[in-house]
ModelCIF file with pLDDT and N, C-alpha, C, O atoms, coordinates in Angstrom:
data_MODEL
#
_entry.id   MODEL 
#
_entity.id                         1 
_entity.type                       polymer 
_entity.pdbx_number_of_molecules   1 
#
_entity_poly.entity_id                      1 
_entity_poly.type                           'polypeptide(L)' 
_entity_poly.nstd_linkage                   no 
_entity_poly.nstd_monomer                   no 
_entity_poly.pdbx_seq_one_letter_code       IVRRCAEEEAHREMTEIDLLRTVKCFIGFESRVGEIYRRLSEQL 
_entity_poly.pdbx_seq_one_letter_code_can   IVRRCAEEEAHREMTEIDLLRTVKCFIGFESRVGEIYRRLSEQL 
_entity_poly.pdbx_strand_id                 A 
#
loop_
_entity_poly_seq.entity_id 
_entity_poly_seq.num 
_entity_poly_seq.mon_id 
_entity_poly_seq.hetero 
1 1  ILE n 
1 2  VAL n 
1 3  ARG n 
1 4  ARG n 
1 5  CYS n 
1 6  ALA n 
1 7  GLU n 
1 8  GLU n 
1 9  GLU n 
1 10 ALA n 
1 11 HIS n 
1 12 ARG n 
1 13 GLU n 
1 14 MET n 
1 15 THR n 
1 16 GLU n 
1 17 ILE n 
1 18 ASP n 
1 19 LEU n 
1 20 LEU n 
1 21 ARG n 
1 22 THR n 
1 23 VAL n 
1 24 LYS n 
1 25 CYS n 
1 26 PHE n 
1 27 ILE n 
1 28 GLY n 
1 29 PHE n 
1 30 GLU n 
1 31 SER n 
1 32 ARG n 
1 33 VAL n 
1 34 GLY n 
1 35 GLU n 
1 36 ILE n 
1 37 TYR n 
1 38 ARG n 
1 39 ARG n 
1 40 LEU n 
1 41 SER n 
1 42 GLU n 
1 43 GLN n 
1 44 LEU n 
#
_struct_asym.id          A 
_struct_asym.entity_id   1 
#
loop_
_ma_qa_metric.id 
_ma_qa_metric.mode 
_ma_qa_metric.name 
_ma_qa_metric.software_group_id 
_ma_qa_metric.type 
1 global pLDDT . pLDDT 
2 local  pLDDT . pLDDT 
#
_ma_qa_metric_global.metric_id      1 
_ma_qa_metric_global.metric_value   79.16 
_ma_qa_metric_global.model_id       1 
_ma_qa_metric_global.ordinal_id     1 
#
loop_
_ma_qa_metric_local.label_asym_id 
_ma_qa_metric_local.label_comp_id 
_ma_qa_metric_local.label_seq_id 
_ma_qa_metric_local.metric_id 
_ma_qa_metric_local.metric_value 
_ma_qa_metric_local.model_id 
_ma_qa_metric_local.ordinal_id 
A ILE 1  2 83.00 1 1  
A VAL 2  2 82.00 1 2  
A ARG 3  2 78.00 1 3  
A ARG 4  2 74.00 1 4  
A CYS 5  2 75.00 1 5  
A ALA 6  2 74.00 1 6  
A GLU 7  2 66.00 1 7  
A GLU 8  2 67.00 1 8  
A GLU 9  2 71.00 1 9  
A ALA 10 2 59.00 1 10 
A HIS 11 2 55.00 1 11 
A ARG 12 2 61.00 1 12 
A GLU 13 2 51.00 1 13 
A MET 14 2 48.00 1 14 
A THR 15 2 54.00 1 15 
A GLU 16 2 54.00 1 16 
A ILE 17 2 59.00 1 17 
A ASP 18 2 66.00 1 18 
A LEU 19 2 66.00 1 19 
A LEU 20 2 70.00 1 20 
A ARG 21 2 75.00 1 21 
A THR 22 2 76.00 1 22 
A VAL 23 2 77.00 1 23 
A LYS 24 2 83.00 1 24 
A CYS 25 2 84.00 1 25 
A PHE 26 2 84.00 1 26 
A ILE 27 2 87.00 1 27 
A GLY 28 2 90.00 1 28 
A PHE 29 2 90.00 1 29 
A GLU 30 2 90.00 1 30 
A SER 31 2 93.00 1 31 
A ARG 32 2 94.00 1 32 
A VAL 33 2 94.00 1 33 
A GLY 34 2 94.00 1 34 
A GLU 35 2 96.00 1 35 
A ILE 36 2 96.00 1 36 
A TYR 37 2 97.00 1 37 
A ARG 38 2 96.00 1 38 
A ARG 39 2 96.00 1 39 
A LEU 40 2 97.00 1 40 
A SER 41 2 96.00 1 41 
A GLU 42 2 96.00 1 42 
A GLN 43 2 94.00 1 43 
A LEU 44 2 95.00 1 44 
#
loop_
_atom_site.group_PDB 
_atom_site.id 
_atom_site.type_symbol 
_atom_site.label_atom_id 
_atom_site.label_alt_id 
_atom_site.label_comp_id 
_atom_site.label_asym_id 
_atom_site.label_entity_id 
_atom_site.label_seq_id 
_atom_site.pdbx_PDB_ins_code 
_atom_site.Cartn_x 
_atom_site.Cartn_y 
_atom_site.Cartn_z 
_atom_site.occupancy 
_atom_site.B_iso_or_equiv 
_atom_site.pdbx_formal_charge 
_atom_site.auth_seq_id 
_atom_site.auth_comp_id 
_atom_site.auth_asym_id 
_atom_site.auth_atom_id 
_atom_site.pdbx_PDB_model_num 
ATOM 1   N N  . ILE A 1 1  ? 0.837  -1.212  -0.302  1.00 83.00 ? 1  ILE A N  1 
ATOM 2   C CA . ILE A 1 1  ? 0.178  0.076   -0.047  1.00 83.00 ? 1  ILE A CA 1 
ATOM 3   C C  . ILE A 1 1  ? 0.747  1.162   0.022   1.00 83.00 ? 1  ILE A C  1 
ATOM 4   O O  . ILE A 1 1  ? 0.402  2.095   -0.704  1.00 83.00 ? 1  ILE A O  1 
ATOM 5   N N  . VAL A 1 2  ? 1.719  1.262   0.891   1.00 82.00 ? 2  VAL A N  1 
ATOM 6   C CA . VAL A 1 2  ? 2.658  2.210   1.126   1.00 82.00 ? 2  VAL A CA 1 
ATOM 7   C C  . VAL A 1 2  ? 3.413  2.593   -0.585  1.00 82.00 ? 2  VAL A C  1 
ATOM 8   O O  . VAL A 1 2  ? 3.588  3.754   -0.955  1.00 82.00 ? 2  VAL A O  1 
ATOM 9   N N  . ARG A 1 3  ? 3.705  1.607   -1.278  1.00 78.00 ? 3  ARG A N  1 
ATOM 10  C CA . ARG A 1 3  ? 4.530  1.616   -2.687  1.00 78.00 ? 3  ARG A CA 1 
ATOM 11  C C  . ARG A 1 3  ? 3.679  2.206   -3.729  1.00 78.00 ? 3  ARG A C  1 
ATOM 12  O O  . ARG A 1 3  ? 4.062  3.019   -4.571  1.00 78.00 ? 3  ARG A O  1 
ATOM 13  N N  . ARG A 1 4  ? 2.374  1.684   -3.590  1.00 74.00 ? 4  ARG A N  1 
ATOM 14  C CA . ARG A 1 4  ? 1.539  1.947   -4.437  1.00 74.00 ? 4  ARG A CA 1 
ATOM 15  C C  . ARG A 1 4  ? 1.138  3.329   -4.261  1.00 74.00 ? 4  ARG A C  1 
ATOM 16  O O  . ARG A 1 4  ? 1.036  4.064   -5.243  1.00 74.00 ? 4  ARG A O  1 
ATOM 17  N N  . CYS A 1 5  ? 0.867  3.799   -2.912  1.00 75.00 ? 5  CYS A N  1 
ATOM 18  C CA . CYS A 1 5  ? 0.681  5.287   -2.711  1.00 75.00 ? 5  CYS A CA 1 
ATOM 19  C C  . CYS A 1 5  ? 1.852  6.234   -3.122  1.00 75.00 ? 5  CYS A C  1 
ATOM 20  O O  . CYS A 1 5  ? 1.634  7.438   -3.261  1.00 75.00 ? 5  CYS A O  1 
ATOM 21  N N  . ALA A 1 6  ? 3.222  5.646   -3.337  1.00 74.00 ? 6  ALA A N  1 
ATOM 22  C CA . ALA A 1 6  ? 4.145  6.566   -3.467  1.00 74.00 ? 6  ALA A CA 1 
ATOM 23  C C  . ALA A 1 6  ? 4.343  6.620   -4.932  1.00 74.00 ? 6  ALA A C  1 
ATOM 24  O O  . ALA A 1 6  ? 5.004  7.512   -5.464  1.00 74.00 ? 6  ALA A O  1 
ATOM 25  N N  . GLU A 1 7  ? 3.795  5.705   -5.551  1.00 66.00 ? 7  GLU A N  1 
ATOM 26  C CA . GLU A 1 7  ? 4.051  5.389   -6.976  1.00 66.00 ? 7  GLU A CA 1 
ATOM 27  C C  . GLU A 1 7  ? 3.032  6.371   -7.775  1.00 66.00 ? 7  GLU A C  1 
ATOM 28  O O  . GLU A 1 7  ? 3.378  6.902   -8.831  1.00 66.00 ? 7  GLU A O  1 
ATOM 29  N N  . GLU A 1 8  ? 1.614  6.596   -7.133  1.00 67.00 ? 8  GLU A N  1 
ATOM 30  C CA . GLU A 1 8  ? 0.807  7.313   -7.525  1.00 67.00 ? 8  GLU A CA 1 
ATOM 31  C C  . GLU A 1 8  ? 1.233  8.702   -7.442  1.00 67.00 ? 8  GLU A C  1 
ATOM 32  O O  . GLU A 1 8  ? 1.224  9.392   -8.461  1.00 67.00 ? 8  GLU A O  1 
ATOM 33  N N  . GLU A 1 9  ? 1.589  9.155   -6.368  1.00 71.00 ? 9  GLU A N  1 
ATOM 34  C CA . GLU A 1 9  ? 1.985  10.326  -6.021  1.00 71.00 ? 9  GLU A CA 1 
ATOM 35  C C  . GLU A 1 9  ? 3.270  10.966  -6.909  1.00 71.00 ? 9  GLU A C  1 
ATOM 36  O O  . GLU A 1 9  ? 3.334  12.184  -7.073  1.00 71.00 ? 9  GLU A O  1 
ATOM 37  N N  . ALA A 1 10 ? 4.128  10.202  -7.382  1.00 59.00 ? 10 ALA A N  1 
ATOM 38  C CA . ALA A 1 10 ? 5.299  10.503  -7.918  1.00 59.00 ? 10 ALA A CA 1 
ATOM 39  C C  . ALA A 1 10 ? 4.877  10.782  -9.782  1.00 59.00 ? 10 ALA A C  1 
ATOM 40  O O  . ALA A 1 10 ? 5.490  11.515  -10.557 1.00 59.00 ? 10 ALA A O  1 
ATOM 41  N N  . HIS A 1 11 ? 3.731  9.974   -10.062 1.00 55.00 ? 11 HIS A N  1 
ATOM 42  C CA . HIS A 1 11 ? 3.089  10.360  -11.230 1.00 55.00 ? 11 HIS A CA 1 
ATOM 43  C C  . HIS A 1 11 ? 1.758  11.266  -11.440 1.00 55.00 ? 11 HIS A C  1 
ATOM 44  O O  . HIS A 1 11 ? 0.906  11.279  -12.328 1.00 55.00 ? 11 HIS A O  1 
ATOM 45  N N  . ARG A 1 12 ? 1.950  12.073  -10.165 1.00 61.00 ? 12 ARG A N  1 
ATOM 46  C CA . ARG A 1 12 ? 0.755  12.802  -10.116 1.00 61.00 ? 12 ARG A CA 1 
ATOM 47  C C  . ARG A 1 12 ? 0.658  13.989  -11.131 1.00 61.00 ? 12 ARG A C  1 
ATOM 48  O O  . ARG A 1 12 ? -0.474 14.344  -11.459 1.00 61.00 ? 12 ARG A O  1 
ATOM 49  N N  . GLU A 1 13 ? 1.564  14.528  -11.570 1.00 51.00 ? 13 GLU A N  1 
ATOM 50  C CA . GLU A 1 13 ? 1.943  15.374  -12.801 1.00 51.00 ? 13 GLU A CA 1 
ATOM 51  C C  . GLU A 1 13 ? 1.509  14.893  -14.217 1.00 51.00 ? 13 GLU A C  1 
ATOM 52  O O  . GLU A 1 13 ? 1.167  15.658  -15.119 1.00 51.00 ? 13 GLU A O  1 
ATOM 53  N N  . MET A 1 14 ? 1.564  13.542  -14.308 1.00 48.00 ? 14 MET A N  1 
ATOM 54  C CA . MET A 1 14 ? 1.298  13.059  -15.591 1.00 48.00 ? 14 MET A CA 1 
ATOM 55  C C  . MET A 1 14 ? -0.081 12.386  -15.918 1.00 48.00 ? 14 MET A C  1 
ATOM 56  O O  . MET A 1 14 ? -0.830 11.972  -15.033 1.00 48.00 ? 14 MET A O  1 
ATOM 57  N N  . THR A 1 15 ? -0.368 12.307  -17.310 1.00 54.00 ? 15 THR A N  1 
ATOM 58  C CA . THR A 1 15 ? -1.411 12.196  -18.011 1.00 54.00 ? 15 THR A CA 1 
ATOM 59  C C  . THR A 1 15 ? -1.847 10.529  -17.917 1.00 54.00 ? 15 THR A C  1 
ATOM 60  O O  . THR A 1 15 ? -0.991 9.693   -18.205 1.00 54.00 ? 15 THR A O  1 
ATOM 61  N N  . GLU A 1 16 ? -3.180 10.110  -17.513 1.00 54.00 ? 16 GLU A N  1 
ATOM 62  C CA . GLU A 1 16 ? -3.396 9.404   -17.124 1.00 54.00 ? 16 GLU A CA 1 
ATOM 63  C C  . GLU A 1 16 ? -4.154 8.525   -18.199 1.00 54.00 ? 16 GLU A C  1 
ATOM 64  O O  . GLU A 1 16 ? -5.281 8.958   -18.442 1.00 54.00 ? 16 GLU A O  1 
ATOM 65  N N  . ILE A 1 17 ? -3.821 7.478   -18.842 1.00 59.00 ? 17 ILE A N  1 
ATOM 66  C CA . ILE A 1 17 ? -4.369 6.609   -20.103 1.00 59.00 ? 17 ILE A CA 1 
ATOM 67  C C  . ILE A 1 17 ? -4.978 5.364   -19.727 1.00 59.00 ? 17 ILE A C  1 
ATOM 68  O O  . ILE A 1 17 ? -4.577 4.521   -18.925 1.00 59.00 ? 17 ILE A O  1 
ATOM 69  N N  . ASP A 1 18 ? -6.098 5.389   -20.497 1.00 66.00 ? 18 ASP A N  1 
ATOM 70  C CA . ASP A 1 18 ? -7.161 4.223   -20.160 1.00 66.00 ? 18 ASP A CA 1 
ATOM 71  C C  . ASP A 1 18 ? -6.736 3.016   -20.378 1.00 66.00 ? 18 ASP A C  1 
ATOM 72  O O  . ASP A 1 18 ? -6.664 2.621   -21.541 1.00 66.00 ? 18 ASP A O  1 
ATOM 73  N N  . LEU A 1 19 ? -6.369 2.184   -19.307 1.00 66.00 ? 19 LEU A N  1 
ATOM 74  C CA . LEU A 1 19 ? -5.158 0.822   -19.655 1.00 66.00 ? 19 LEU A CA 1 
ATOM 75  C C  . LEU A 1 19 ? -6.126 -0.133  -20.173 1.00 66.00 ? 19 LEU A C  1 
ATOM 76  O O  . LEU A 1 19 ? -5.841 -0.730  -21.211 1.00 66.00 ? 19 LEU A O  1 
ATOM 77  N N  . LEU A 1 20 ? -7.224 -0.355  -19.591 1.00 70.00 ? 20 LEU A N  1 
ATOM 78  C CA . LEU A 1 20 ? -8.066 -1.251  -20.414 1.00 70.00 ? 20 LEU A CA 1 
ATOM 79  C C  . LEU A 1 20 ? -8.283 -1.222  -21.756 1.00 70.00 ? 20 LEU A C  1 
ATOM 80  O O  . LEU A 1 20 ? -8.102 -2.234  -22.434 1.00 70.00 ? 20 LEU A O  1 
ATOM 81  N N  . ARG A 1 21 ? -8.763 0.128   -22.374 1.00 75.00 ? 21 ARG A N  1 
ATOM 82  C CA . ARG A 1 21 ? -8.683 0.453   -23.614 1.00 75.00 ? 21 ARG A CA 1 
ATOM 83  C C  . ARG A 1 21 ? -7.123 0.171   -24.590 1.00 75.00 ? 21 ARG A C  1 
ATOM 84  O O  . ARG A 1 21 ? -6.904 -0.459  -25.624 1.00 75.00 ? 21 ARG A O  1 
ATOM 85  N N  . THR A 1 22 ? -6.449 0.799   -23.874 1.00 76.00 ? 22 THR A N  1 
ATOM 86  C CA . THR A 1 22 ? -4.930 0.344   -24.404 1.00 76.00 ? 22 THR A CA 1 
ATOM 87  C C  . THR A 1 22 ? -4.547 -1.279  -24.946 1.00 76.00 ? 22 THR A C  1 
ATOM 88  O O  . THR A 1 22 ? -4.105 -1.661  -26.030 1.00 76.00 ? 22 THR A O  1 
ATOM 89  N N  . VAL A 1 23 ? -4.910 -2.024  -23.728 1.00 77.00 ? 23 VAL A N  1 
ATOM 90  C CA . VAL A 1 23 ? -4.656 -3.169  -23.711 1.00 77.00 ? 23 VAL A CA 1 
ATOM 91  C C  . VAL A 1 23 ? -5.841 -4.021  -24.780 1.00 77.00 ? 23 VAL A C  1 
ATOM 92  O O  . VAL A 1 23 ? -5.460 -5.156  -25.066 1.00 77.00 ? 23 VAL A O  1 
ATOM 93  N N  . LYS A 1 24 ? -6.843 -3.723  -25.228 1.00 83.00 ? 24 LYS A N  1 
ATOM 94  C CA . LYS A 1 24 ? -7.779 -3.826  -25.933 1.00 83.00 ? 24 LYS A CA 1 
ATOM 95  C C  . LYS A 1 24 ? -7.408 -3.831  -27.430 1.00 83.00 ? 24 LYS A C  1 
ATOM 96  O O  . LYS A 1 24 ? -7.628 -4.680  -28.294 1.00 83.00 ? 24 LYS A O  1 
ATOM 97  N N  . CYS A 1 25 ? -6.603 -2.302  -27.506 1.00 84.00 ? 25 CYS A N  1 
ATOM 98  C CA . CYS A 1 25 ? -5.975 -2.106  -28.969 1.00 84.00 ? 25 CYS A CA 1 
ATOM 99  C C  . CYS A 1 25 ? -4.864 -3.153  -29.137 1.00 84.00 ? 25 CYS A C  1 
ATOM 100 O O  . CYS A 1 25 ? -4.630 -3.736  -30.195 1.00 84.00 ? 25 CYS A O  1 
ATOM 101 N N  . PHE A 1 26 ? -4.178 -3.338  -27.931 1.00 84.00 ? 26 PHE A N  1 
ATOM 102 C CA . PHE A 1 26 ? -2.757 -4.540  -28.605 1.00 84.00 ? 26 PHE A CA 1 
ATOM 103 C C  . PHE A 1 26 ? -3.414 -5.984  -28.832 1.00 84.00 ? 26 PHE A C  1 
ATOM 104 O O  . PHE A 1 26 ? -2.846 -6.864  -29.477 1.00 84.00 ? 26 PHE A O  1 
ATOM 105 N N  . ILE A 1 27 ? -4.731 -6.140  -28.206 1.00 87.00 ? 27 ILE A N  1 
ATOM 106 C CA . ILE A 1 27 ? -5.147 -7.465  -28.421 1.00 87.00 ? 27 ILE A CA 1 
ATOM 107 C C  . ILE A 1 27 ? -5.523 -7.403  -29.919 1.00 87.00 ? 27 ILE A C  1 
ATOM 108 O O  . ILE A 1 27 ? -5.298 -8.341  -30.684 1.00 87.00 ? 27 ILE A O  1 
ATOM 109 N N  . GLY A 1 28 ? -6.109 -6.245  -30.297 1.00 90.00 ? 28 GLY A N  1 
ATOM 110 C CA . GLY A 1 28 ? -6.435 -6.197  -31.840 1.00 90.00 ? 28 GLY A CA 1 
ATOM 111 C C  . GLY A 1 28 ? -5.195 -6.400  -32.939 1.00 90.00 ? 28 GLY A C  1 
ATOM 112 O O  . GLY A 1 28 ? -5.298 -7.045  -33.983 1.00 90.00 ? 28 GLY A O  1 
ATOM 113 N N  . PHE A 1 29 ? -3.937 -5.670  -32.446 1.00 90.00 ? 29 PHE A N  1 
ATOM 114 C CA . PHE A 1 29 ? -2.931 -5.840  -33.129 1.00 90.00 ? 29 PHE A CA 1 
ATOM 115 C C  . PHE A 1 29 ? -2.302 -7.223  -33.223 1.00 90.00 ? 29 PHE A C  1 
ATOM 116 O O  . PHE A 1 29 ? -1.762 -7.692  -34.225 1.00 90.00 ? 29 PHE A O  1 
ATOM 117 N N  . GLU A 1 30 ? -2.463 -7.860  -31.935 1.00 90.00 ? 30 GLU A N  1 
ATOM 118 C CA . GLU A 1 30 ? -1.606 -9.523  -32.229 1.00 90.00 ? 30 GLU A CA 1 
ATOM 119 C C  . GLU A 1 30 ? -2.569 -10.321 -33.095 1.00 90.00 ? 30 GLU A C  1 
ATOM 120 O O  . GLU A 1 30 ? -2.113 -11.225 -33.795 1.00 90.00 ? 30 GLU A O  1 
ATOM 121 N N  . SER A 1 31 ? -3.881 -10.044 -33.096 1.00 93.00 ? 31 SER A N  1 
ATOM 122 C CA . SER A 1 31 ? -4.879 -10.941 -34.148 1.00 93.00 ? 31 SER A CA 1 
ATOM 123 C C  . SER A 1 31 ? -4.448 -10.821 -35.324 1.00 93.00 ? 31 SER A C  1 
ATOM 124 O O  . SER A 1 31 ? -4.294 -11.762 -36.103 1.00 93.00 ? 31 SER A O  1 
ATOM 125 N N  . ARG A 1 32 ? -4.109 -9.120  -35.662 1.00 94.00 ? 32 ARG A N  1 
ATOM 126 C CA . ARG A 1 32 ? -3.945 -8.809  -37.162 1.00 94.00 ? 32 ARG A CA 1 
ATOM 127 C C  . ARG A 1 32 ? -2.882 -9.713  -37.505 1.00 94.00 ? 32 ARG A C  1 
ATOM 128 O O  . ARG A 1 32 ? -3.063 -10.544 -38.394 1.00 94.00 ? 32 ARG A O  1 
ATOM 129 N N  . VAL A 1 33 ? -1.377 -9.605  -36.655 1.00 94.00 ? 33 VAL A N  1 
ATOM 130 C CA . VAL A 1 33 ? -0.351 -9.940  -36.626 1.00 94.00 ? 33 VAL A CA 1 
ATOM 131 C C  . VAL A 1 33 ? -0.175 -11.365 -37.292 1.00 94.00 ? 33 VAL A C  1 
ATOM 132 O O  . VAL A 1 33 ? 0.473  -11.771 -38.257 1.00 94.00 ? 33 VAL A O  1 
ATOM 133 N N  . GLY A 1 34 ? -0.990 -11.929 -36.408 1.00 94.00 ? 34 GLY A N  1 
ATOM 134 C CA . GLY A 1 34 ? -1.208 -13.350 -36.391 1.00 94.00 ? 34 GLY A CA 1 
ATOM 135 C C  . GLY A 1 34 ? -1.785 -13.564 -38.053 1.00 94.00 ? 34 GLY A C  1 
ATOM 136 O O  . GLY A 1 34 ? -1.289 -14.388 -38.821 1.00 94.00 ? 34 GLY A O  1 
ATOM 137 N N  . GLU A 1 35 ? -2.623 -12.886 -38.314 1.00 96.00 ? 35 GLU A N  1 
ATOM 138 C CA . GLU A 1 35 ? -3.163 -13.365 -39.533 1.00 96.00 ? 35 GLU A CA 1 
ATOM 139 C C  . GLU A 1 35 ? -2.343 -13.026 -40.765 1.00 96.00 ? 35 GLU A C  1 
ATOM 140 O O  . GLU A 1 35 ? -2.364 -13.733 -41.772 1.00 96.00 ? 35 GLU A O  1 
ATOM 141 N N  . ILE A 1 36 ? -1.624 -11.925 -40.650 1.00 96.00 ? 36 ILE A N  1 
ATOM 142 C CA . ILE A 1 36 ? -0.517 -11.922 -41.636 1.00 96.00 ? 36 ILE A CA 1 
ATOM 143 C C  . ILE A 1 36 ? 0.550  -13.180 -41.558 1.00 96.00 ? 36 ILE A C  1 
ATOM 144 O O  . ILE A 1 36 ? 0.851  -13.813 -42.570 1.00 96.00 ? 36 ILE A O  1 
ATOM 145 N N  . TYR A 1 37 ? 0.947  -13.397 -40.602 1.00 97.00 ? 37 TYR A N  1 
ATOM 146 C CA . TYR A 1 37 ? 1.940  -14.299 -40.626 1.00 97.00 ? 37 TYR A CA 1 
ATOM 147 C C  . TYR A 1 37 ? 1.171  -15.842 -41.191 1.00 97.00 ? 37 TYR A C  1 
ATOM 148 O O  . TYR A 1 37 ? 1.836  -16.691 -41.786 1.00 97.00 ? 37 TYR A O  1 
ATOM 149 N N  . ARG A 1 38 ? -0.085 -15.989 -40.936 1.00 96.00 ? 38 ARG A N  1 
ATOM 150 C CA . ARG A 1 38 ? -0.612 -17.371 -41.561 1.00 96.00 ? 38 ARG A CA 1 
ATOM 151 C C  . ARG A 1 38 ? -1.104 -17.240 -42.865 1.00 96.00 ? 38 ARG A C  1 
ATOM 152 O O  . ARG A 1 38 ? -1.495 -18.227 -43.489 1.00 96.00 ? 38 ARG A O  1 
ATOM 153 N N  . ARG A 1 39 ? -1.124 -15.847 -43.439 1.00 96.00 ? 39 ARG A N  1 
ATOM 154 C CA . ARG A 1 39 ? -1.260 -15.854 -45.044 1.00 96.00 ? 39 ARG A CA 1 
ATOM 155 C C  . ARG A 1 39 ? 0.110  -16.215 -45.645 1.00 96.00 ? 39 ARG A C  1 
ATOM 156 O O  . ARG A 1 39 ? 0.253  -16.967 -46.609 1.00 96.00 ? 39 ARG A O  1 
ATOM 157 N N  . LEU A 1 40 ? 1.093  -15.608 -44.981 1.00 97.00 ? 40 LEU A N  1 
ATOM 158 C CA . LEU A 1 40 ? 2.318  -15.775 -45.473 1.00 97.00 ? 40 LEU A CA 1 
ATOM 159 C C  . LEU A 1 40 ? 2.871  -17.087 -45.047 1.00 97.00 ? 40 LEU A C  1 
ATOM 160 O O  . LEU A 1 40 ? 3.890  -17.394 -45.667 1.00 97.00 ? 40 LEU A O  1 
ATOM 161 N N  . SER A 1 41 ? 2.536  -17.807 -44.298 1.00 96.00 ? 41 SER A N  1 
ATOM 162 C CA . SER A 1 41 ? 2.753  -19.422 -44.428 1.00 96.00 ? 41 SER A CA 1 
ATOM 163 C C  . SER A 1 41 ? 2.153  -20.084 -45.336 1.00 96.00 ? 41 SER A C  1 
ATOM 164 O O  . SER A 1 41 ? 2.826  -20.788 -46.089 1.00 96.00 ? 41 SER A O  1 
ATOM 165 N N  . GLU A 1 42 ? 0.826  -20.013 -45.466 1.00 96.00 ? 42 GLU A N  1 
ATOM 166 C CA . GLU A 1 42 ? 0.232  -20.341 -46.868 1.00 96.00 ? 42 GLU A CA 1 
ATOM 167 C C  . GLU A 1 42 ? 0.724  -20.114 -48.207 1.00 96.00 ? 42 GLU A C  1 
ATOM 168 O O  . GLU A 1 42 ? 0.786  -20.958 -49.101 1.00 96.00 ? 42 GLU A O  1 
ATOM 169 N N  . GLN A 1 43 ? 0.992  -19.169 -48.254 1.00 94.00 ? 43 GLN A N  1 
ATOM 170 C CA . GLN A 1 43 ? 1.589  -18.646 -49.426 1.00 94.00 ? 43 GLN A CA 1 
ATOM 171 C C  . GLN A 1 43 ? 3.091  -19.244 -49.685 1.00 94.00 ? 43 GLN A C  1 
ATOM 172 O O  . GLN A 1 43 ? 3.382  -19.532 -50.846 1.00 94.00 ? 43 GLN A O  1 
ATOM 173 N N  . LEU A 1 44 ? 3.934  -19.416 -48.776 1.00 95.00 ? 44 LEU A N  1 
ATOM 174 C CA . LEU A 1 44 ? 5.160  -20.157 -49.130 1.00 95.00 ? 44 LEU A CA 1 
ATOM 175 C C  . LEU A 1 44 ? 5.502  -21.381 -48.590 1.00 95.00 ? 44 LEU A C  1 
ATOM 176 O O  . LEU A 1 44 ? 6.544  -21.939 -48.936 1.00 95.00 ? 44 LEU A O  1 
#
């Protein structure tokens, strides 16, 4: 608890980003990259 509060205080002046939305974006990227690799595997 002490460490987490100190961490939040250290970042007090920084912009907060929606973590759930960010992770969702990366999930989409990973799926699209996987599809690129799958197509290349079939073609080659």
